[in-house]
Amino acid sequence: MKQDLQDKFKKLTKQEFFVFSVLYTLEEEIGQVTYRNIATRANLAESSVRDYISRLEYKGIPVVKERINNKVIL
C-alpha cells in the first residue's frame, strides 16, 4: 500500500503537488481547511484550487471533502 501511494504522488504535476502540500500544511496549522484558505495561501483562484483538488481525488490521492450546510466545503 505504501508503494502504491508513493507511485500516485510521483504522477502528480508540480502544481498539483504544491496544492496538496499547501492543503496538508494548512490542515496541520488550523485544522479544517476551505478552498478559500488554500487559494489565499497558494495565491490561486478558488476555482483553480477546486480543479486541482478534483484532479488529486481522480488520481487517487487521499483527500476528504466535507460539505457544511450544503455550502462550505472543507
N, C-alpha and C. Protein backbone atom coordinates (compact mmCIF):
# COMPACT_ATOMS: atom_id res chain seq x y z
N MET A 1 0.82 -1.19 0.00
CA MET A 1 0.00 0.00 0.00
C MET A 1 0.87 1.26 0.00
N LYS A 2 1.94 1.24 0.78
CA LYS A 2 2.83 2.40 0.85
C LYS A 2 3.43 2.70 -0.53
N GLN A 3 3.87 1.65 -1.22
CA GLN A 3 4.45 1.82 -2.55
C GLN A 3 3.42 2.36 -3.54
N ASP A 4 2.18 1.89 -3.42
CA ASP A 4 1.10 2.36 -4.28
C ASP A 4 0.88 3.86 -4.11
N LEU A 5 0.88 4.31 -2.87
CA LEU A 5 0.69 5.74 -2.59
C LEU A 5 1.87 6.55 -3.11
N GLN A 6 3.08 6.04 -2.94
CA GLN A 6 4.25 6.73 -3.46
C GLN A 6 4.18 6.86 -4.98
N ASP A 7 3.73 5.82 -5.65
CA ASP A 7 3.59 5.86 -7.11
C ASP A 7 2.58 6.92 -7.53
N LYS A 8 1.48 7.04 -6.77
CA LYS A 8 0.46 8.05 -7.09
C LYS A 8 1.02 9.45 -6.94
N PHE A 9 1.80 9.69 -5.90
CA PHE A 9 2.38 11.02 -5.70
C PHE A 9 3.41 11.35 -6.78
N LYS A 10 4.12 10.35 -7.27
CA LYS A 10 5.11 10.59 -8.32
C LYS A 10 4.46 11.04 -9.63
N LYS A 11 3.18 10.69 -9.81
CA LYS A 11 2.47 11.04 -11.05
C LYS A 11 1.84 12.42 -11.02
N LEU A 12 1.93 13.11 -9.88
CA LEU A 12 1.36 14.46 -9.78
C LEU A 12 2.22 15.48 -10.50
N THR A 13 1.56 16.50 -11.05
CA THR A 13 2.31 17.63 -11.61
C THR A 13 2.87 18.44 -10.45
N LYS A 14 3.79 19.34 -10.74
CA LYS A 14 4.37 20.19 -9.70
C LYS A 14 3.29 21.02 -9.02
N GLN A 15 2.36 21.54 -9.81
CA GLN A 15 1.30 22.38 -9.26
C GLN A 15 0.33 21.57 -8.39
N GLU A 16 0.00 20.37 -8.81
CA GLU A 16 -0.87 19.51 -8.01
C GLU A 16 -0.21 19.17 -6.68
N PHE A 17 1.07 18.85 -6.74
CA PHE A 17 1.79 18.53 -5.51
C PHE A 17 1.87 19.76 -4.60
N PHE A 18 2.06 20.94 -5.20
CA PHE A 18 2.10 22.19 -4.43
C PHE A 18 0.77 22.41 -3.70
N VAL A 19 -0.34 22.25 -4.40
CA VAL A 19 -1.66 22.43 -3.78
C VAL A 19 -1.86 21.41 -2.67
N PHE A 20 -1.45 20.17 -2.89
CA PHE A 20 -1.58 19.16 -1.84
C PHE A 20 -0.74 19.55 -0.62
N SER A 21 0.47 20.02 -0.85
CA SER A 21 1.34 20.39 0.28
C SER A 21 0.77 21.59 1.04
N VAL A 22 0.17 22.54 0.33
CA VAL A 22 -0.48 23.68 0.99
C VAL A 22 -1.66 23.17 1.82
N LEU A 23 -2.47 22.29 1.25
CA LEU A 23 -3.60 21.70 1.96
C LEU A 23 -3.12 21.00 3.24
N TYR A 24 -2.11 20.18 3.11
CA TYR A 24 -1.59 19.42 4.25
C TYR A 24 -1.05 20.36 5.33
N THR A 25 -0.29 21.37 4.92
CA THR A 25 0.28 22.33 5.87
C THR A 25 -0.80 23.10 6.60
N LEU A 26 -1.78 23.59 5.85
CA LEU A 26 -2.87 24.34 6.48
C LEU A 26 -3.67 23.47 7.45
N GLU A 27 -3.89 22.22 7.08
CA GLU A 27 -4.63 21.33 7.96
C GLU A 27 -3.87 21.13 9.28
N GLU A 28 -2.56 21.03 9.21
CA GLU A 28 -1.75 20.90 10.42
C GLU A 28 -1.84 22.17 11.26
N GLU A 29 -1.89 23.34 10.61
CA GLU A 29 -1.89 24.62 11.31
C GLU A 29 -3.26 24.99 11.90
N ILE A 30 -4.32 24.86 11.08
CA ILE A 30 -5.62 25.39 11.52
C ILE A 30 -6.72 24.34 11.62
N GLY A 31 -6.46 23.14 11.22
CA GLY A 31 -7.50 22.10 11.28
C GLY A 31 -8.29 22.05 9.99
N GLN A 32 -9.56 22.42 10.07
CA GLN A 32 -10.41 22.38 8.88
C GLN A 32 -10.02 23.46 7.89
N VAL A 33 -9.92 23.08 6.62
CA VAL A 33 -9.41 23.96 5.58
C VAL A 33 -10.47 24.12 4.49
N THR A 34 -10.65 25.34 3.99
CA THR A 34 -11.58 25.60 2.89
C THR A 34 -10.79 25.87 1.62
N TYR A 35 -11.51 25.87 0.50
CA TYR A 35 -10.87 26.24 -0.76
C TYR A 35 -10.28 27.65 -0.67
N ARG A 36 -10.98 28.53 0.01
CA ARG A 36 -10.51 29.91 0.15
C ARG A 36 -9.19 29.96 0.91
N ASN A 37 -9.06 29.17 1.98
CA ASN A 37 -7.80 29.12 2.73
C ASN A 37 -6.65 28.70 1.83
N ILE A 38 -6.88 27.66 1.06
CA ILE A 38 -5.83 27.15 0.16
C ILE A 38 -5.51 28.19 -0.91
N ALA A 39 -6.55 28.78 -1.50
CA ALA A 39 -6.36 29.76 -2.56
C ALA A 39 -5.55 30.96 -2.06
N THR A 40 -5.87 31.42 -0.87
CA THR A 40 -5.16 32.57 -0.31
C THR A 40 -3.69 32.23 -0.08
N ARG A 41 -3.42 31.08 0.53
CA ARG A 41 -2.04 30.69 0.83
C ARG A 41 -1.24 30.42 -0.44
N ALA A 42 -1.89 29.81 -1.44
CA ALA A 42 -1.19 29.42 -2.67
C ALA A 42 -1.21 30.52 -3.72
N ASN A 43 -1.93 31.61 -3.43
CA ASN A 43 -2.05 32.72 -4.38
C ASN A 43 -2.67 32.25 -5.70
N LEU A 44 -3.76 31.50 -5.57
CA LEU A 44 -4.50 30.98 -6.71
C LEU A 44 -5.97 31.35 -6.58
N ALA A 45 -6.70 31.24 -7.67
CA ALA A 45 -8.15 31.45 -7.63
C ALA A 45 -8.81 30.23 -6.99
N GLU A 46 -9.92 30.45 -6.30
CA GLU A 46 -10.64 29.33 -5.68
C GLU A 46 -11.05 28.29 -6.72
N SER A 47 -11.43 28.75 -7.90
CA SER A 47 -11.83 27.80 -8.94
C SER A 47 -10.66 26.91 -9.36
N SER A 48 -9.46 27.47 -9.38
CA SER A 48 -8.27 26.66 -9.70
C SER A 48 -8.02 25.64 -8.60
N VAL A 49 -8.19 26.05 -7.36
CA VAL A 49 -7.99 25.13 -6.24
C VAL A 49 -8.99 23.98 -6.32
N ARG A 50 -10.26 24.29 -6.62
CA ARG A 50 -11.28 23.24 -6.76
C ARG A 50 -10.87 22.25 -7.85
N ASP A 51 -10.36 22.78 -8.95
CA ASP A 51 -9.92 21.92 -10.05
C ASP A 51 -8.75 21.03 -9.63
N TYR A 52 -7.77 21.61 -8.96
CA TYR A 52 -6.62 20.82 -8.52
C TYR A 52 -7.03 19.74 -7.51
N ILE A 53 -7.93 20.08 -6.59
CA ILE A 53 -8.40 19.10 -5.61
C ILE A 53 -9.13 17.97 -6.32
N SER A 54 -9.94 18.30 -7.31
CA SER A 54 -10.64 17.26 -8.09
C SER A 54 -9.65 16.35 -8.80
N ARG A 55 -8.59 16.94 -9.35
CA ARG A 55 -7.56 16.13 -10.01
C ARG A 55 -6.86 15.21 -9.02
N LEU A 56 -6.59 15.73 -7.83
CA LEU A 56 -5.95 14.90 -6.80
C LEU A 56 -6.82 13.70 -6.46
N GLU A 57 -8.12 13.95 -6.29
CA GLU A 57 -9.05 12.86 -5.98
C GLU A 57 -9.08 11.85 -7.12
N TYR A 58 -9.13 12.34 -8.35
CA TYR A 58 -9.18 11.46 -9.52
C TYR A 58 -7.93 10.57 -9.60
N LYS A 59 -6.79 11.14 -9.20
CA LYS A 59 -5.53 10.39 -9.25
C LYS A 59 -5.33 9.50 -8.03
N GLY A 60 -6.32 9.46 -7.13
CA GLY A 60 -6.26 8.54 -6.01
C GLY A 60 -5.55 9.06 -4.78
N ILE A 61 -5.30 10.36 -4.73
CA ILE A 61 -4.67 10.95 -3.55
C ILE A 61 -5.73 11.07 -2.45
N PRO A 62 -5.40 10.66 -1.23
CA PRO A 62 -6.41 10.66 -0.16
C PRO A 62 -6.78 12.08 0.31
N VAL A 63 -7.84 12.61 -0.25
CA VAL A 63 -8.37 13.92 0.13
C VAL A 63 -9.83 13.70 0.54
N VAL A 64 -10.18 14.20 1.70
CA VAL A 64 -11.55 14.03 2.20
C VAL A 64 -12.24 15.39 2.17
N LYS A 65 -13.38 15.45 1.48
CA LYS A 65 -14.16 16.69 1.43
C LYS A 65 -15.41 16.51 2.26
N GLU A 66 -15.75 17.55 2.99
CA GLU A 66 -16.96 17.53 3.81
C GLU A 66 -17.73 18.81 3.53
N ARG A 67 -19.02 18.67 3.24
CA ARG A 67 -19.87 19.82 2.93
C ARG A 67 -20.62 20.24 4.20
N ILE A 68 -20.56 21.54 4.55
CA ILE A 68 -21.23 22.07 5.73
C ILE A 68 -22.42 22.92 5.26
N ASN A 69 -23.60 22.62 5.75
CA ASN A 69 -24.81 23.35 5.39
C ASN A 69 -25.01 23.47 3.88
N ASN A 70 -24.55 22.47 3.15
CA ASN A 70 -24.68 22.42 1.71
C ASN A 70 -24.04 23.61 1.00
N LYS A 71 -23.09 24.28 1.67
CA LYS A 71 -22.43 25.45 1.08
C LYS A 71 -20.92 25.35 1.18
N VAL A 72 -20.40 25.36 2.38
CA VAL A 72 -18.96 25.39 2.60
C VAL A 72 -18.40 23.97 2.49
N ILE A 73 -17.33 23.83 1.73
CA ILE A 73 -16.68 22.53 1.60
C ILE A 73 -15.35 22.59 2.33
N LEU A 74 -15.16 21.65 3.23
CA LEU A 74 -13.92 21.55 4.00
C LEU A 74 -13.11 20.38 3.49
